[in-house]
């Protein structure tokens, strides 16, 4: 955990309505999640589909309201803030969504889409200045500025995700939630997007919560990794330590499923099965420090 984090999450929880006449709350989608993100850091959040990763990302940006716990940004708690009070903070917290196709308004030219945050927050309203800023942002993400006059349907998936990244960095935020930003892209494009995110971080010092199930990309991009299962973080550690010495059985099972490029090794290596019944998670389970900076979820004693 960092001493002076940019983002701090403590005991975060979210329950959705299960429906029915009495509208009882359903099972917890996220429960007891705690972590920090330092300025300029990349924390990866990994786990299987349905583990609660994307929900955590949306809770951090207050796109959904937590039912438990607290999110702190720049030392300020976000719970209970009105939309007006949140508005200036949203300039410094942005999101790159998973689907590059649905994240853009098909009726807006992409130059307008990229500079829309500037208009909404009153940073710039002059048409000429907005056009110049759109061209600059396109250059930053590796696109030809002449493309700003086109519509989203005229671009490939990788190009659209670059446009979404350009929109996310338009307000020069300090923190970006990247919610599986490469999942919908071809393998040949994924590395380009990850390298682009790395270049932007090196240039601006932005911090990322990088949500993904691609452990290979996570190892390349992140400083620390948090592993989620069933709405809980089961392990969080520096990336090198987690990949070399995973401690939780679920983490070991995840890593054993990552393909190896060498076909001889791939044919002979053994995958590890994970049995949830043998490793139950209860409300009393807690993260225990197994090594400096390396935390593992353990059953209550």
C-alpha atoms as a PDB file:
ATOM      1  CA  UNK A   1       0.000   0.000   0.000  1.00  0.00           C
ATOM      2  CA  UNK A   2       1.251   3.507  -0.807  1.00  0.00           C
ATOM      3  CA  UNK A   3       1.663   6.242   1.838  1.00  0.00           C
ATOM      4  CA  UNK A   4       0.122   9.080  -0.158  1.00  0.00           C
ATOM      5  CA  UNK A   5      -2.047   7.533  -2.886  1.00  0.00           C
ATOM      6  CA  UNK A   6      -3.853   9.292  -5.685  1.00  0.00           C
ATOM      7  CA  UNK A   7      -6.766   6.857  -5.326  1.00  0.00           C
ATOM      8  CA  UNK A   8      -7.682   4.951  -2.182  1.00  0.00           C
ATOM      9  CA  UNK A   9     -10.428   2.325  -2.018  1.00  0.00           C
ATOM     10  CA  UNK A  10     -11.550   0.977   1.365  1.00  0.00           C
ATOM     11  CA  UNK A  11     -13.971  -1.930   1.870  1.00  0.00           C
ATOM     12  CA  UNK A  12     -15.802  -1.125  -1.366  1.00  0.00           C
ATOM     13  CA  UNK A  13     -19.027  -3.038  -1.961  1.00  0.00           C
ATOM     14  CA  UNK A  14     -21.889  -3.165  -4.443  1.00  0.00           C
ATOM     15  CA  UNK A  15     -25.161  -5.089  -4.393  1.00  0.00           C
ATOM     16  CA  UNK A  16     -27.723  -4.977  -7.167  1.00  0.00           C
ATOM     17  CA  UNK A  17     -31.453  -5.335  -6.745  1.00  0.00           C
ATOM     18  CA  UNK A  18     -32.479  -8.966  -7.214  1.00  0.00           C
ATOM     19  CA  UNK A  19     -35.941  -7.896  -8.405  1.00  0.00           C
ATOM     20  CA  UNK A  20     -39.255  -9.285  -7.280  1.00  0.00           C
ATOM     21  CA  UNK A  21     -42.108  -7.678  -5.402  1.00  0.00           C
ATOM     22  CA  UNK A  22     -40.037  -6.684  -2.362  1.00  0.00           C
ATOM     23  CA  UNK A  23     -36.959  -5.613  -4.366  1.00  0.00           C
ATOM     24  CA  UNK A  24     -34.573  -7.433  -2.076  1.00  0.00           C
ATOM     25  CA  UNK A  25     -30.840  -6.865  -2.637  1.00  0.00           C
ATOM     26  CA  UNK A  26     -29.129  -9.649  -4.546  1.00  0.00           C
ATOM     27  CA  UNK A  27     -25.739 -11.237  -3.869  1.00  0.00           C
ATOM     28  CA  UNK A  28     -22.759  -8.915  -3.655  1.00  0.00           C
ATOM     29  CA  UNK A  29     -21.142  -8.134  -7.009  1.00  0.00           C
ATOM     30  CA  UNK A  30     -18.233  -6.523  -5.128  1.00  0.00           C
ATOM     31  CA  UNK A  31     -17.478  -6.982  -1.426  1.00  0.00           C
ATOM     32  CA  UNK A  32     -14.729  -5.653   0.832  1.00  0.00           C
ATOM     33  CA  UNK A  33     -12.417  -4.451  -1.953  1.00  0.00           C
ATOM     34  CA  UNK A  34      -9.499  -2.286  -0.782  1.00  0.00           C
ATOM     35  CA  UNK A  35      -6.449  -1.007  -2.653  1.00  0.00           C
ATOM     36  CA  UNK A  36      -4.431   2.124  -3.467  1.00  0.00           C
ATOM     37  CA  UNK A  37      -3.213   3.588  -6.745  1.00  0.00           C
ATOM     38  CA  UNK A  38      -0.226   5.924  -6.586  1.00  0.00           C
ATOM     39  CA  UNK A  39       0.228   8.884  -8.900  1.00  0.00           C
ATOM     40  CA  UNK A  40       1.769   7.709 -12.168  1.00  0.00           C
ATOM     41  CA  UNK A  41       1.269   4.020 -11.331  1.00  0.00           C
ATOM     42  CA  UNK A  42      -0.474   1.267 -13.273  1.00  0.00           C
ATOM     43  CA  UNK A  43      -2.424  -1.165 -11.122  1.00  0.00           C
ATOM     44  CA  UNK A  44      -3.855  -4.072 -13.107  1.00  0.00           C
ATOM     45  CA  UNK A  45      -7.104  -5.685 -12.002  1.00  0.00           C
ATOM     46  CA  UNK A  46      -7.452  -9.204 -13.374  1.00  0.00           C
ATOM     47  CA  UNK A  47      -9.793 -12.166 -12.997  1.00  0.00           C
ATOM     48  CA  UNK A  48     -12.342 -14.261 -14.840  1.00  0.00           C
ATOM     49  CA  UNK A  49     -15.494 -12.817 -16.412  1.00  0.00           C
ATOM     50  CA  UNK A  50     -18.064 -11.956 -13.761  1.00  0.00           C
ATOM     51  CA  UNK A  51     -15.504 -11.474 -10.994  1.00  0.00           C
ATOM     52  CA  UNK A  52     -16.490  -7.821 -10.513  1.00  0.00           C
ATOM     53  CA  UNK A  53     -13.571  -6.065 -12.248  1.00  0.00           C
ATOM     54  CA  UNK A  54     -15.616  -3.700 -14.409  1.00  0.00           C
ATOM     55  CA  UNK A  55     -17.983  -2.945 -11.536  1.00  0.00           C
ATOM     56  CA  UNK A  56     -15.021  -1.794  -9.446  1.00  0.00           C
ATOM     57  CA  UNK A  57     -13.899   0.515 -12.253  1.00  0.00           C
ATOM     58  CA  UNK A  58     -17.332   2.099 -12.534  1.00  0.00           C
ATOM     59  CA  UNK A  59     -17.593   2.496  -8.758  1.00  0.00           C
ATOM     60  CA  UNK A  60     -14.256   4.304  -8.651  1.00  0.00           C
ATOM     61  CA  UNK A  61     -15.500   6.925 -11.109  1.00  0.00           C
ATOM     62  CA  UNK A  62     -18.916   7.122  -9.425  1.00  0.00           C
ATOM     63  CA  UNK A  63     -20.640   5.932 -12.579  1.00  0.00           C
ATOM     64  CA  UNK A  64     -22.368   3.619 -10.134  1.00  0.00           C
ATOM     65  CA  UNK A  65     -23.022   4.284  -6.460  1.00  0.00           C
ATOM     66  CA  UNK A  66     -21.323   1.960  -3.949  1.00  0.00           C
ATOM     67  CA  UNK A  67     -23.524   0.289  -1.361  1.00  0.00           C
ATOM     68  CA  UNK A  68     -20.594  -0.010   1.057  1.00  0.00           C
ATOM     69  CA  UNK A  69     -17.118   1.377   1.552  1.00  0.00           C
ATOM     70  CA  UNK A  70     -15.470   4.511   0.267  1.00  0.00           C
ATOM     71  CA  UNK A  71     -13.460   5.836  -2.670  1.00  0.00           C
ATOM     72  CA  UNK A  72     -10.987   8.650  -2.045  1.00  0.00           C
ATOM     73  CA  UNK A  73      -9.475  10.703  -4.879  1.00  0.00           C
ATOM     74  CA  UNK A  74      -6.702  13.222  -4.224  1.00  0.00           C
ATOM     75  CA  UNK A  75      -7.425  12.841  -0.522  1.00  0.00           C
ATOM     76  CA  UNK A  76     -11.132  13.615  -0.878  1.00  0.00           C
ATOM     77  CA  UNK A  77     -13.972  11.120  -0.263  1.00  0.00           C
ATOM     78  CA  UNK A  78     -16.351  10.849  -3.216  1.00  0.00           C
ATOM     79  CA  UNK A  79     -19.379   9.313  -1.487  1.00  0.00           C
ATOM     80  CA  UNK A  80     -22.250  11.687  -0.982  1.00  0.00           C
ATOM     81  CA  UNK A  81     -20.916  14.350  -3.329  1.00  0.00           C
ATOM     82  CA  UNK A  82     -23.545  16.005  -5.505  1.00  0.00           C
ATOM     83  CA  UNK A  83     -23.246  16.009  -9.287  1.00  0.00           C
ATOM     84  CA  UNK A  84     -22.119  19.636  -9.097  1.00  0.00           C
ATOM     85  CA  UNK A  85     -19.406  18.810  -6.534  1.00  0.00           C
ATOM     86  CA  UNK A  86     -18.238  15.809  -8.589  1.00  0.00           C
ATOM     87  CA  UNK A  87     -18.034  17.768 -11.841  1.00  0.00           C
ATOM     88  CA  UNK A  88     -14.592  19.381 -11.319  1.00  0.00           C
ATOM     89  CA  UNK A  89     -13.206  16.038 -10.101  1.00  0.00           C
ATOM     90  CA  UNK A  90     -14.433  14.263 -13.237  1.00  0.00           C
ATOM     91  CA  UNK A  91     -12.032  16.380 -15.276  1.00  0.00           C
ATOM     92  CA  UNK A  92      -9.194  14.520 -13.538  1.00  0.00           C
ATOM     93  CA  UNK A  93     -10.767  11.036 -13.676  1.00  0.00           C
ATOM     94  CA  UNK A  94     -11.573   9.512 -17.055  1.00  0.00           C
ATOM     95  CA  UNK A  95     -12.430   6.112 -18.551  1.00  0.00           C
ATOM     96  CA  UNK A  96     -11.595   4.121 -21.673  1.00  0.00           C
ATOM     97  CA  UNK A  97     -14.424   1.672 -22.298  1.00  0.00           C
ATOM     98  CA  UNK A  98     -14.117  -1.889 -23.505  1.00  0.00           C
ATOM     99  CA  UNK A  99     -16.123  -1.634 -26.722  1.00  0.00           C
ATOM    100  CA  UNK A 100     -14.610   0.914 -29.129  1.00  0.00           C
ATOM    101  CA  UNK A 101     -17.659   0.613 -31.378  1.00  0.00           C
ATOM    102  CA  UNK A 102     -20.415   1.626 -28.943  1.00  0.00           C
ATOM    103  CA  UNK A 103     -18.320   4.175 -27.034  1.00  0.00           C
ATOM    104  CA  UNK A 104     -18.562   6.757 -29.844  1.00  0.00           C
ATOM    105  CA  UNK A 105     -21.674   8.626 -30.960  1.00  0.00           C
ATOM    106  CA  UNK A 106     -22.199   7.557 -34.595  1.00  0.00           C
ATOM    107  CA  UNK A 107     -23.725  10.956 -35.425  1.00  0.00           C
ATOM    108  CA  UNK A 108     -20.722  12.985 -34.278  1.00  0.00           C
ATOM    109  CA  UNK A 109     -17.606  13.494 -36.327  1.00  0.00           C
ATOM    110  CA  UNK A 110     -14.720  12.036 -34.352  1.00  0.00           C
ATOM    111  CA  UNK A 111     -13.044  15.413 -33.933  1.00  0.00           C
ATOM    112  CA  UNK A 112     -16.174  16.658 -32.177  1.00  0.00           C
ATOM    113  CA  UNK A 113     -16.315  13.505 -30.048  1.00  0.00           C
ATOM    114  CA  UNK A 114     -12.719  13.923 -28.899  1.00  0.00           C
ATOM    115  CA  UNK A 115     -13.189  17.567 -27.896  1.00  0.00           C
ATOM    116  CA  UNK A 116     -16.655  17.105 -26.378  1.00  0.00           C
ATOM    117  CA  UNK A 117     -15.185  16.926 -22.822  1.00  0.00           C
ATOM    118  CA  UNK A 118     -13.584  20.339 -23.374  1.00  0.00           C
ATOM    119  CA  UNK A 119     -16.957  21.843 -24.302  1.00  0.00           C
ATOM    120  CA  UNK A 120     -18.833  20.129 -21.469  1.00  0.00           C
ATOM    121  CA  UNK A 121     -16.393  21.379 -18.833  1.00  0.00           C
ATOM    122  CA  UNK A 122     -16.091  24.837 -20.349  1.00  0.00           C
ATOM    123  CA  UNK A 123     -12.371  24.516 -20.969  1.00  0.00           C
ATOM    124  CA  UNK A 124     -12.681  25.625 -24.588  1.00  0.00           C
ATOM    125  CA  UNK A 125     -15.662  26.625 -26.724  1.00  0.00           C
ATOM    126  CA  UNK A 126     -14.091  28.392 -29.725  1.00  0.00           C
ATOM    127  CA  UNK A 127     -14.501  26.251 -32.848  1.00  0.00           C
ATOM    128  CA  UNK A 128     -11.027  26.969 -34.180  1.00  0.00           C
ATOM    129  CA  UNK A 129      -9.307  26.175 -30.906  1.00  0.00           C
ATOM    130  CA  UNK A 130     -11.320  22.955 -30.571  1.00  0.00           C
ATOM    131  CA  UNK A 131     -10.303  21.883 -34.083  1.00  0.00           C
ATOM    132  CA  UNK A 132      -6.642  22.563 -33.268  1.00  0.00           C
ATOM    133  CA  UNK A 133      -6.919  20.571 -30.038  1.00  0.00           C
ATOM    134  CA  UNK A 134      -8.569  17.656 -31.860  1.00  0.00           C
ATOM    135  CA  UNK A 135      -5.703  17.604 -34.378  1.00  0.00           C
ATOM    136  CA  UNK A 136      -3.147  17.668 -31.551  1.00  0.00           C
ATOM    137  CA  UNK A 137      -4.863  14.800 -29.729  1.00  0.00           C
ATOM    138  CA  UNK A 138      -5.004  12.749 -32.916  1.00  0.00           C
ATOM    139  CA  UNK A 139      -1.258  13.200 -33.384  1.00  0.00           C
ATOM    140  CA  UNK A 140      -0.667  12.096 -29.779  1.00  0.00           C
ATOM    141  CA  UNK A 141      -2.478   8.791 -30.355  1.00  0.00           C
ATOM    142  CA  UNK A 142      -0.859   8.142 -33.729  1.00  0.00           C
ATOM    143  CA  UNK A 143      -3.675   9.176 -36.078  1.00  0.00           C
ATOM    144  CA  UNK A 144      -3.575  11.596 -38.999  1.00  0.00           C
ATOM    145  CA  UNK A 145      -5.288  14.881 -37.975  1.00  0.00           C
ATOM    146  CA  UNK A 146      -7.073  14.971 -41.322  1.00  0.00           C
ATOM    147  CA  UNK A 147      -9.233  12.119 -40.010  1.00  0.00           C
ATOM    148  CA  UNK A 148     -10.985  14.352 -37.467  1.00  0.00           C
ATOM    149  CA  UNK A 149     -13.672  15.169 -40.065  1.00  0.00           C
ATOM    150  CA  UNK A 150     -14.722  11.539 -40.452  1.00  0.00           C
ATOM    151  CA  UNK A 151     -17.473   9.597 -38.696  1.00  0.00           C
ATOM    152  CA  UNK A 152     -16.858   6.573 -36.410  1.00  0.00           C
ATOM    153  CA  UNK A 153     -18.049   3.998 -38.970  1.00  0.00           C
ATOM    154  CA  UNK A 154     -15.138   4.970 -41.218  1.00  0.00           C
ATOM    155  CA  UNK A 155     -12.549   3.595 -38.784  1.00  0.00           C
ATOM    156  CA  UNK A 156     -11.255   0.170 -37.777  1.00  0.00           C
ATOM    157  CA  UNK A 157     -11.598  -1.118 -34.219  1.00  0.00           C
ATOM    158  CA  UNK A 158      -8.032  -0.226 -33.319  1.00  0.00           C
ATOM    159  CA  UNK A 159      -8.426   3.278 -34.720  1.00  0.00           C
ATOM    160  CA  UNK A 160     -11.656   3.772 -32.780  1.00  0.00           C
ATOM    161  CA  UNK A 161      -9.966   2.753 -29.559  1.00  0.00           C
ATOM    162  CA  UNK A 162      -7.210   5.280 -30.259  1.00  0.00           C
ATOM    163  CA  UNK A 163      -9.948   7.892 -30.683  1.00  0.00           C
ATOM    164  CA  UNK A 164     -11.491   6.859 -27.363  1.00  0.00           C
ATOM    165  CA  UNK A 165      -8.084   7.195 -25.703  1.00  0.00           C
ATOM    166  CA  UNK A 166      -7.678  10.642 -27.275  1.00  0.00           C
ATOM    167  CA  UNK A 167     -11.006  11.666 -25.770  1.00  0.00           C
ATOM    168  CA  UNK A 168      -9.990  10.285 -22.364  1.00  0.00           C
ATOM    169  CA  UNK A 169      -6.757  12.326 -22.284  1.00  0.00           C
ATOM    170  CA  UNK A 170      -8.319  15.529 -23.694  1.00  0.00           C
ATOM    171  CA  UNK A 171      -8.736  17.049 -20.218  1.00  0.00           C
ATOM    172  CA  UNK A 172      -5.251  15.895 -19.101  1.00  0.00           C
ATOM    173  CA  UNK A 173      -6.570  13.684 -16.273  1.00  0.00           C
ATOM    174  CA  UNK A 174      -4.482  12.303 -13.435  1.00  0.00           C
ATOM    175  CA  UNK A 175      -6.285   8.941 -13.383  1.00  0.00           C
ATOM    176  CA  UNK A 176      -7.796   6.735 -16.104  1.00  0.00           C
ATOM    177  CA  UNK A 177      -9.780   3.532 -15.694  1.00  0.00           C
ATOM    178  CA  UNK A 178      -9.023   1.420 -18.778  1.00  0.00           C
ATOM    179  CA  UNK A 179     -11.784  -1.209 -18.767  1.00  0.00           C
ATOM    180  CA  UNK A 180     -10.535  -4.103 -20.927  1.00  0.00           C
ATOM    181  CA  UNK A 181      -9.470  -1.639 -23.653  1.00  0.00           C
ATOM    182  CA  UNK A 182      -7.914  -4.322 -25.882  1.00  0.00           C
ATOM    183  CA  UNK A 183     -10.409  -7.187 -25.541  1.00  0.00           C
ATOM    184  CA  UNK A 184     -12.445  -6.324 -28.650  1.00  0.00           C
ATOM    185  CA  UNK A 185      -9.345  -5.839 -30.829  1.00  0.00           C
ATOM    186  CA  UNK A 186      -7.315  -8.138 -33.055  1.00  0.00           C
ATOM    187  CA  UNK A 187      -4.195  -9.580 -31.439  1.00  0.00           C
ATOM    188  CA  UNK A 188      -1.992  -7.638 -33.855  1.00  0.00           C
ATOM    189  CA  UNK A 189      -3.534  -4.355 -32.646  1.00  0.00           C
ATOM    190  CA  UNK A 190      -3.558  -5.088 -28.909  1.00  0.00           C
ATOM    191  CA  UNK A 191       0.165  -4.510 -28.402  1.00  0.00           C
ATOM    192  CA  UNK A 192      -0.082  -1.192 -30.254  1.00  0.00           C
ATOM    193  CA  UNK A 193      -2.780   0.051 -27.873  1.00  0.00           C
ATOM    194  CA  UNK A 194      -0.861  -1.114 -24.792  1.00  0.00           C
ATOM    195  CA  UNK A 195       2.287   0.619 -26.059  1.00  0.00           C
ATOM    196  CA  UNK A 196       0.251   3.764 -26.705  1.00  0.00           C
ATOM    197  CA  UNK A 197      -1.056   3.744 -23.114  1.00  0.00           C
ATOM    198  CA  UNK A 198       2.510   3.282 -21.876  1.00  0.00           C
ATOM    199  CA  UNK A 199       3.769   6.191 -24.007  1.00  0.00           C
ATOM    200  CA  UNK A 200       0.993   8.466 -22.714  1.00  0.00           C
ATOM    201  CA  UNK A 201       1.847   7.542 -19.120  1.00  0.00           C
ATOM    202  CA  UNK A 202       5.562   8.188 -19.678  1.00  0.00           C
ATOM    203  CA  UNK A 203       4.744  11.589 -21.173  1.00  0.00           C
ATOM    204  CA  UNK A 204       2.010  12.796 -18.795  1.00  0.00           C
ATOM    205  CA  UNK A 205       2.404  10.818 -15.555  1.00  0.00           C
ATOM    206  CA  UNK A 206      -1.218   9.626 -15.625  1.00  0.00           C
ATOM    207  CA  UNK A 207      -2.146   6.693 -13.364  1.00  0.00           C
ATOM    208  CA  UNK A 208      -4.124   3.723 -14.687  1.00  0.00           C
ATOM    209  CA  UNK A 209      -6.412   1.092 -13.302  1.00  0.00           C
ATOM    210  CA  UNK A 210      -5.948  -1.416 -16.140  1.00  0.00           C
ATOM    211  CA  UNK A 211      -8.773  -3.963 -16.104  1.00  0.00           C
ATOM    212  CA  UNK A 212      -8.026  -7.069 -18.138  1.00  0.00           C
ATOM    213  CA  UNK A 213      -7.992 -10.841 -18.297  1.00  0.00           C
ATOM    214  CA  UNK A 214      -4.972 -10.861 -20.643  1.00  0.00           C
ATOM    215  CA  UNK A 215      -2.186 -11.664 -18.197  1.00  0.00           C
ATOM    216  CA  UNK A 216       0.510 -11.352 -20.840  1.00  0.00           C
ATOM    217  CA  UNK A 217      -0.368  -7.713 -21.503  1.00  0.00           C
ATOM    218  CA  UNK A 218      -0.794  -7.088 -17.785  1.00  0.00           C
ATOM    219  CA  UNK A 219       2.751  -8.253 -17.103  1.00  0.00           C
ATOM    220  CA  UNK A 220       4.065  -5.872 -19.749  1.00  0.00           C
ATOM    221  CA  UNK A 221       2.159  -2.784 -18.595  1.00  0.00           C
ATOM    222  CA  UNK A 222       1.534  -2.901 -14.850  1.00  0.00           C
ATOM    223  CA  UNK A 223       3.610  -2.165 -11.768  1.00  0.00           C
ATOM    224  CA  UNK A 224       1.268  -4.063  -9.433  1.00  0.00           C
ATOM    225  CA  UNK A 225      -1.483  -6.625 -10.011  1.00  0.00           C
ATOM    226  CA  UNK A 226      -4.672  -7.306  -8.047  1.00  0.00           C
ATOM    227  CA  UNK A 227      -6.473 -10.617  -8.698  1.00  0.00           C
ATOM    228  CA  UNK A 228     -10.260 -10.758  -8.249  1.00  0.00           C
ATOM    229  CA  UNK A 229     -12.592 -13.703  -7.802  1.00  0.00           C
ATOM    230  CA  UNK A 230     -16.279 -13.614  -6.890  1.00  0.00           C
ATOM    231  CA  UNK A 231     -16.216  -9.919  -6.028  1.00  0.00           C
ATOM    232  CA  UNK A 232     -13.170 -10.095  -3.730  1.00  0.00           C
ATOM    233  CA  UNK A 233      -9.489  -9.382  -4.200  1.00  0.00           C
ATOM    234  CA  UNK A 234      -7.694 -12.640  -3.433  1.00  0.00           C
ATOM    235  CA  UNK A 235      -4.144 -11.442  -4.055  1.00  0.00           C
ATOM    236  CA  UNK A 236      -2.359  -8.153  -4.697  1.00  0.00           C
ATOM    237  CA  UNK A 237       1.379  -7.810  -5.243  1.00  0.00           C
ATOM    238  CA  UNK A 238       4.105  -6.239  -7.382  1.00  0.00           C
ATOM    239  CA  UNK A 239       3.796  -7.666 -10.882  1.00  0.00           C
ATOM    240  CA  UNK A 240       7.148  -9.504 -10.820  1.00  0.00           C
ATOM    241  CA  UNK A 241       6.416 -11.127  -7.461  1.00  0.00           C
ATOM    242  CA  UNK A 242       2.928 -12.199  -8.456  1.00  0.00           C
ATOM    243  CA  UNK A 243       4.010 -13.793 -11.729  1.00  0.00           C
ATOM    244  CA  UNK A 244       7.079 -15.477 -10.262  1.00  0.00           C
ATOM    245  CA  UNK A 245       5.680 -16.482  -6.837  1.00  0.00           C
ATOM    246  CA  UNK A 246       1.859 -16.538  -6.871  1.00  0.00           C
ATOM    247  CA  UNK A 247       0.538 -17.509  -3.446  1.00  0.00           C
ATOM    248  CA  UNK A 248      -3.225 -17.880  -3.756  1.00  0.00           C
ATOM    249  CA  UNK A 249      -4.450 -21.111  -5.431  1.00  0.00           C
ATOM    250  CA  UNK A 250      -6.746 -19.131  -7.725  1.00  0.00           C
ATOM    251  CA  UNK A 251      -3.847 -16.974  -8.934  1.00  0.00           C
ATOM    252  CA  UNK A 252      -1.787 -20.095  -9.613  1.00  0.00           C
ATOM    253  CA  UNK A 253      -4.653 -21.559 -11.638  1.00  0.00           C
ATOM    254  CA  UNK A 254      -5.014 -18.353 -13.674  1.00  0.00           C
ATOM    255  CA  UNK A 255      -1.311 -18.190 -14.468  1.00  0.00           C
ATOM    256  CA  UNK A 256      -1.169 -21.856 -15.405  1.00  0.00           C
ATOM    257  CA  UNK A 257      -3.775 -21.192 -18.120  1.00  0.00           C
ATOM    258  CA  UNK A 258      -1.710 -18.499 -19.868  1.00  0.00           C
ATOM    259  CA  UNK A 259      -0.498 -19.901 -23.223  1.00  0.00           C
ATOM    260  CA  UNK A 260       3.254 -20.255 -23.817  1.00  0.00           C
ATOM    261  CA  UNK A 261       4.673 -19.293 -27.210  1.00  0.00           C
ATOM    262  CA  UNK A 262       6.971 -22.336 -27.357  1.00  0.00           C
ATOM    263  CA  UNK A 263       4.815 -25.275 -28.628  1.00  0.00           C
ATOM    264  CA  UNK A 264       7.094 -27.856 -26.979  1.00  0.00           C
ATOM    265  CA  UNK A 265       6.566 -26.303 -23.552  1.00  0.00           C
ATOM    266  CA  UNK A 266       2.869 -25.732 -24.223  1.00  0.00           C
ATOM    267  CA  UNK A 267       2.298 -29.423 -25.001  1.00  0.00           C
ATOM    268  CA  UNK A 268       3.923 -30.653 -21.804  1.00  0.00           C
ATOM    269  CA  UNK A 269       3.117 -28.101 -19.128  1.00  0.00           C
ATOM    270  CA  UNK A 270       0.449 -28.868 -16.537  1.00  0.00           C
ATOM    271  CA  UNK A 271      -2.521 -26.626 -15.896  1.00  0.00           C
ATOM    272  CA  UNK A 272      -3.682 -26.214 -12.314  1.00  0.00           C
ATOM    273  CA  UNK A 273      -7.328 -26.742 -11.434  1.00  0.00           C
ATOM    274  CA  UNK A 274      -9.009 -24.487  -8.881  1.00  0.00           C
ATOM    275  CA  UNK A 275     -11.776 -25.880  -6.695  1.00  0.00           C
ATOM    276  CA  UNK A 276     -13.766 -23.040  -5.051  1.00  0.00           C
ATOM    277  CA  UNK A 277     -15.221 -25.451  -2.497  1.00  0.00           C
ATOM    278  CA  UNK A 278     -11.760 -26.091  -1.079  1.00  0.00           C
ATOM    279  CA  UNK A 279     -10.982 -22.361  -0.830  1.00  0.00           C
ATOM    280  CA  UNK A 280     -14.168 -20.696   0.408  1.00  0.00           C
ATOM    281  CA  UNK A 281     -14.358 -16.926   0.713  1.00  0.00           C
ATOM    282  CA  UNK A 282     -16.440 -15.647   3.609  1.00  0.00           C
ATOM    283  CA  UNK A 283     -17.209 -12.120   4.837  1.00  0.00           C
ATOM    284  CA  UNK A 284     -14.573 -12.684   7.529  1.00  0.00           C
ATOM    285  CA  UNK A 285     -11.797 -13.547   5.061  1.00  0.00           C
ATOM    286  CA  UNK A 286      -9.067 -10.919   5.100  1.00  0.00           C
ATOM    287  CA  UNK A 287      -5.982  -9.910   3.150  1.00  0.00           C
ATOM    288  CA  UNK A 288      -2.851 -10.970   5.024  1.00  0.00           C
ATOM    289  CA  UNK A 289       0.617  -9.620   4.171  1.00  0.00           C
ATOM    290  CA  UNK A 290       2.649 -12.644   3.074  1.00  0.00           C
ATOM    291  CA  UNK A 291       5.699 -10.590   2.024  1.00  0.00           C
ATOM    292  CA  UNK A 292       6.483  -6.872   1.711  1.00  0.00           C
ATOM    293  CA  UNK A 293       3.793  -5.453  -0.570  1.00  0.00           C
ATOM    294  CA  UNK A 294       2.351  -8.927  -1.233  1.00  0.00           C
ATOM    295  CA  UNK A 295      -1.134  -9.526   0.205  1.00  0.00           C
ATOM    296  CA  UNK A 296      -3.169 -12.745   0.042  1.00  0.00           C
ATOM    297  CA  UNK A 297      -6.791 -13.399   1.030  1.00  0.00           C
ATOM    298  CA  UNK A 298      -6.931 -15.912   3.847  1.00  0.00           C
ATOM    299  CA  UNK A 299      -9.923 -17.510   5.595  1.00  0.00           C
ATOM    300  CA  UNK A 300     -10.765 -16.177   9.033  1.00  0.00           C
ATOM    301  CA  UNK A 301      -8.897 -18.048  11.767  1.00  0.00           C
END
